Amino acid sequence: MYISKLRLGASALVFAVFFGFVGAGTVLASQPRMTQARTYLNYALNELESASTNKGGHRANAINYIKDAINEVNLGIEYAQ
């Protein structure tokens, strides 16, 4: 059985393109940077909620900003999927 170099090269190209797109879709869908950012935001939120006193209202403002940021990250992740 003889397979020409042209046919073998074409098959390899089709294989690479197909799995390149499948792999790219998986990376885009998983959003590792966005999910890591959400983890850090949740950590910051827990720390602020555990902090004592309100510090002139700035702690409460920071908590609200972080909750808004978490919501935006979640929306970004959903949009990308």
N, C-alpha and C. Protein backbone atom coordinates (compact mmCIF):
# COMPACT_ATOMS: atom_id res chain seq x y z
N MET A 1 0.84 -1.18 0.00
CA MET A 1 0.00 0.00 0.00
C MET A 1 0.89 1.23 0.00
N TYR A 2 0.67 2.10 -0.96
CA TYR A 2 1.49 3.29 -1.13
C TYR A 2 0.63 4.53 -0.92
N ILE A 3 1.07 5.42 -0.01
CA ILE A 3 0.37 6.68 0.21
C ILE A 3 1.31 7.80 -0.22
N SER A 4 0.85 8.64 -1.10
CA SER A 4 1.71 9.71 -1.60
C SER A 4 1.98 10.73 -0.50
N LYS A 5 3.11 11.41 -0.66
CA LYS A 5 3.47 12.45 0.31
C LYS A 5 2.44 13.57 0.30
N LEU A 6 1.90 13.89 -0.84
CA LEU A 6 0.89 14.93 -0.94
C LEU A 6 -0.37 14.55 -0.16
N ARG A 7 -0.82 13.32 -0.34
CA ARG A 7 -2.03 12.86 0.36
C ARG A 7 -1.77 12.79 1.87
N LEU A 8 -0.60 12.34 2.27
CA LEU A 8 -0.24 12.27 3.68
C LEU A 8 -0.17 13.68 4.28
N GLY A 9 0.44 14.61 3.56
CA GLY A 9 0.53 15.99 4.03
C GLY A 9 -0.83 16.64 4.15
N ALA A 10 -1.70 16.40 3.17
CA ALA A 10 -3.05 16.96 3.21
C ALA A 10 -3.83 16.40 4.39
N SER A 11 -3.69 15.11 4.64
CA SER A 11 -4.38 14.50 5.79
C SER A 11 -3.88 15.08 7.10
N ALA A 12 -2.58 15.28 7.20
CA ALA A 12 -2.01 15.86 8.42
C ALA A 12 -2.51 17.28 8.61
N LEU A 13 -2.62 18.05 7.53
CA LEU A 13 -3.11 19.42 7.62
C LEU A 13 -4.56 19.46 8.10
N VAL A 14 -5.39 18.62 7.51
CA VAL A 14 -6.81 18.56 7.93
C VAL A 14 -6.90 18.17 9.40
N PHE A 15 -6.13 17.19 9.80
CA PHE A 15 -6.11 16.74 11.20
C PHE A 15 -5.70 17.88 12.13
N ALA A 16 -4.63 18.59 11.77
CA ALA A 16 -4.13 19.68 12.62
C ALA A 16 -5.13 20.82 12.72
N VAL A 17 -5.74 21.19 11.60
CA VAL A 17 -6.72 22.29 11.61
C VAL A 17 -7.93 21.90 12.45
N PHE A 18 -8.45 20.71 12.25
CA PHE A 18 -9.63 20.27 13.01
C PHE A 18 -9.36 20.28 14.50
N PHE A 19 -8.29 19.63 14.93
CA PHE A 19 -8.01 19.57 16.36
C PHE A 19 -7.53 20.89 16.91
N GLY A 20 -6.98 21.75 16.08
CA GLY A 20 -6.63 23.10 16.52
C GLY A 20 -7.87 23.89 16.88
N PHE A 21 -8.91 23.79 16.06
CA PHE A 21 -10.15 24.50 16.36
C PHE A 21 -10.87 23.90 17.56
N VAL A 22 -10.86 22.59 17.67
CA VAL A 22 -11.49 21.95 18.82
C VAL A 22 -10.77 22.35 20.10
N GLY A 23 -9.45 22.33 20.07
CA GLY A 23 -8.67 22.73 21.24
C GLY A 23 -8.85 24.18 21.59
N ALA A 24 -8.91 25.05 20.58
CA ALA A 24 -9.12 26.48 20.84
C ALA A 24 -10.48 26.72 21.45
N GLY A 25 -11.49 26.01 21.01
CA GLY A 25 -12.82 26.15 21.59
C GLY A 25 -12.85 25.72 23.04
N THR A 26 -12.11 24.69 23.37
CA THR A 26 -12.06 24.22 24.75
C THR A 26 -11.39 25.25 25.64
N VAL A 27 -10.32 25.85 25.18
CA VAL A 27 -9.63 26.86 25.97
C VAL A 27 -10.52 28.08 26.17
N LEU A 28 -11.21 28.51 25.12
CA LEU A 28 -12.09 29.67 25.24
C LEU A 28 -13.24 29.38 26.18
N ALA A 29 -13.78 28.18 26.13
CA ALA A 29 -14.93 27.86 26.96
C ALA A 29 -14.57 27.75 28.43
N SER A 30 -13.36 27.29 28.74
CA SER A 30 -13.01 27.08 30.14
C SER A 30 -12.67 28.38 30.87
N GLN A 31 -12.17 29.39 30.17
CA GLN A 31 -11.88 30.70 30.75
C GLN A 31 -11.03 30.62 32.03
N PRO A 32 -9.83 30.04 31.97
CA PRO A 32 -9.04 29.86 33.19
C PRO A 32 -8.65 31.17 33.88
N ARG A 33 -8.38 32.21 33.12
CA ARG A 33 -8.00 33.49 33.74
C ARG A 33 -9.18 34.14 34.43
N MET A 34 -10.33 34.06 33.81
CA MET A 34 -11.53 34.66 34.40
C MET A 34 -11.93 33.90 35.67
N THR A 35 -11.86 32.59 35.64
CA THR A 35 -12.23 31.83 36.84
C THR A 35 -11.21 32.06 37.96
N GLN A 36 -9.95 32.24 37.60
CA GLN A 36 -8.94 32.54 38.63
C GLN A 36 -9.18 33.93 39.22
N ALA A 37 -9.53 34.88 38.38
CA ALA A 37 -9.85 36.23 38.87
C ALA A 37 -11.04 36.17 39.83
N ARG A 38 -12.04 35.37 39.49
CA ARG A 38 -13.21 35.23 40.37
C ARG A 38 -12.81 34.62 41.71
N THR A 39 -11.89 33.67 41.69
CA THR A 39 -11.39 33.08 42.94
C THR A 39 -10.73 34.13 43.81
N TYR A 40 -9.88 34.97 43.21
CA TYR A 40 -9.22 36.03 43.96
C TYR A 40 -10.22 37.05 44.49
N LEU A 41 -11.22 37.39 43.68
CA LEU A 41 -12.24 38.33 44.13
C LEU A 41 -13.03 37.76 45.31
N ASN A 42 -13.37 36.49 45.24
CA ASN A 42 -14.08 35.85 46.37
C ASN A 42 -13.22 35.83 47.62
N TYR A 43 -11.93 35.61 47.46
CA TYR A 43 -11.02 35.65 48.60
C TYR A 43 -10.99 37.05 49.21
N ALA A 44 -10.89 38.07 48.36
CA ALA A 44 -10.88 39.44 48.84
C ALA A 44 -12.20 39.79 49.54
N LEU A 45 -13.30 39.33 48.99
CA LEU A 45 -14.60 39.57 49.60
C LEU A 45 -14.67 38.95 50.99
N ASN A 46 -14.21 37.72 51.12
CA ASN A 46 -14.21 37.06 52.43
C ASN A 46 -13.34 37.81 53.43
N GLU A 47 -12.19 38.29 52.99
CA GLU A 47 -11.31 39.05 53.88
C GLU A 47 -11.97 40.35 54.33
N LEU A 48 -12.59 41.07 53.41
CA LEU A 48 -13.26 42.32 53.77
C LEU A 48 -14.44 42.08 54.70
N GLU A 49 -15.20 41.03 54.45
CA GLU A 49 -16.34 40.74 55.31
C GLU A 49 -15.89 40.32 56.71
N SER A 50 -14.69 39.77 56.83
CA SER A 50 -14.15 39.37 58.12
C SER A 50 -13.46 40.51 58.86
N ALA A 51 -13.19 41.61 58.17
CA ALA A 51 -12.48 42.73 58.78
C ALA A 51 -13.36 43.41 59.82
N SER A 52 -12.71 43.99 60.83
CA SER A 52 -13.46 44.69 61.87
C SER A 52 -13.75 46.13 61.45
N THR A 53 -14.77 46.68 62.01
CA THR A 53 -15.26 48.05 61.78
C THR A 53 -15.40 48.41 60.31
N ASN A 54 -16.14 49.45 60.07
CA ASN A 54 -16.48 49.82 58.71
C ASN A 54 -15.48 50.77 58.07
N LYS A 55 -14.63 51.37 58.84
CA LYS A 55 -13.58 52.26 58.32
C LYS A 55 -14.15 53.41 57.49
N GLY A 56 -15.10 54.10 58.09
CA GLY A 56 -15.67 55.28 57.45
C GLY A 56 -16.51 54.98 56.22
N GLY A 57 -17.02 53.79 56.12
CA GLY A 57 -17.85 53.42 54.98
C GLY A 57 -17.06 52.85 53.81
N HIS A 58 -15.74 52.92 53.87
CA HIS A 58 -14.92 52.44 52.76
C HIS A 58 -14.93 50.92 52.65
N ARG A 59 -14.99 50.23 53.78
CA ARG A 59 -15.06 48.77 53.75
C ARG A 59 -16.36 48.32 53.07
N ALA A 60 -17.46 48.96 53.43
CA ALA A 60 -18.75 48.62 52.83
C ALA A 60 -18.74 48.92 51.33
N ASN A 61 -18.15 50.04 50.94
CA ASN A 61 -18.04 50.37 49.51
C ASN A 61 -17.21 49.32 48.78
N ALA A 62 -16.09 48.93 49.37
CA ALA A 62 -15.22 47.93 48.75
C ALA A 62 -15.96 46.60 48.58
N ILE A 63 -16.73 46.22 49.60
CA ILE A 63 -17.50 44.98 49.51
C ILE A 63 -18.48 45.05 48.34
N ASN A 64 -19.16 46.18 48.20
CA ASN A 64 -20.11 46.34 47.09
C ASN A 64 -19.42 46.32 45.73
N TYR A 65 -18.25 46.98 45.65
CA TYR A 65 -17.51 46.99 44.39
C TYR A 65 -17.06 45.58 44.01
N ILE A 66 -16.60 44.83 44.99
CA ILE A 66 -16.14 43.47 44.70
C ILE A 66 -17.31 42.57 44.29
N LYS A 67 -18.45 42.74 44.93
CA LYS A 67 -19.63 41.96 44.52
C LYS A 67 -20.01 42.30 43.09
N ASP A 68 -19.92 43.60 42.73
CA ASP A 68 -20.19 44.00 41.34
C ASP A 68 -19.17 43.39 40.39
N ALA A 69 -17.90 43.38 40.80
CA ALA A 69 -16.84 42.81 39.95
C ALA A 69 -17.05 41.32 39.75
N ILE A 70 -17.43 40.61 40.80
CA ILE A 70 -17.71 39.17 40.68
C ILE A 70 -18.85 38.95 39.70
N ASN A 71 -19.87 39.77 39.78
CA ASN A 71 -21.00 39.66 38.86
C ASN A 71 -20.54 39.89 37.42
N GLU A 72 -19.70 40.90 37.19
CA GLU A 72 -19.21 41.18 35.84
C GLU A 72 -18.35 40.04 35.31
N VAL A 73 -17.52 39.47 36.15
CA VAL A 73 -16.70 38.33 35.74
C VAL A 73 -17.59 37.16 35.34
N ASN A 74 -18.62 36.89 36.16
CA ASN A 74 -19.55 35.82 35.83
C ASN A 74 -20.24 36.06 34.50
N LEU A 75 -20.64 37.31 34.25
CA LEU A 75 -21.28 37.65 32.98
C LEU A 75 -20.30 37.46 31.82
N GLY A 76 -19.04 37.83 32.03
CA GLY A 76 -18.03 37.65 30.99
C GLY A 76 -17.80 36.19 30.67
N ILE A 77 -17.77 35.35 31.70
CA ILE A 77 -17.59 33.91 31.49
C ILE A 77 -18.78 33.35 30.72
N GLU A 78 -19.99 33.74 31.11
CA GLU A 78 -21.18 33.26 30.42
C GLU A 78 -21.20 33.73 28.96
N TYR A 79 -20.79 34.95 28.72
CA TYR A 79 -20.79 35.50 27.35
C TYR A 79 -19.83 34.72 26.45
N ALA A 80 -18.69 34.34 27.00
CA ALA A 80 -17.66 33.65 26.21
C ALA A 80 -18.07 32.21 25.88
N GLN A 81 -19.04 31.68 26.57
CA GLN A 81 -19.44 30.28 26.33
C GLN A 81 -20.52 30.25 25.35
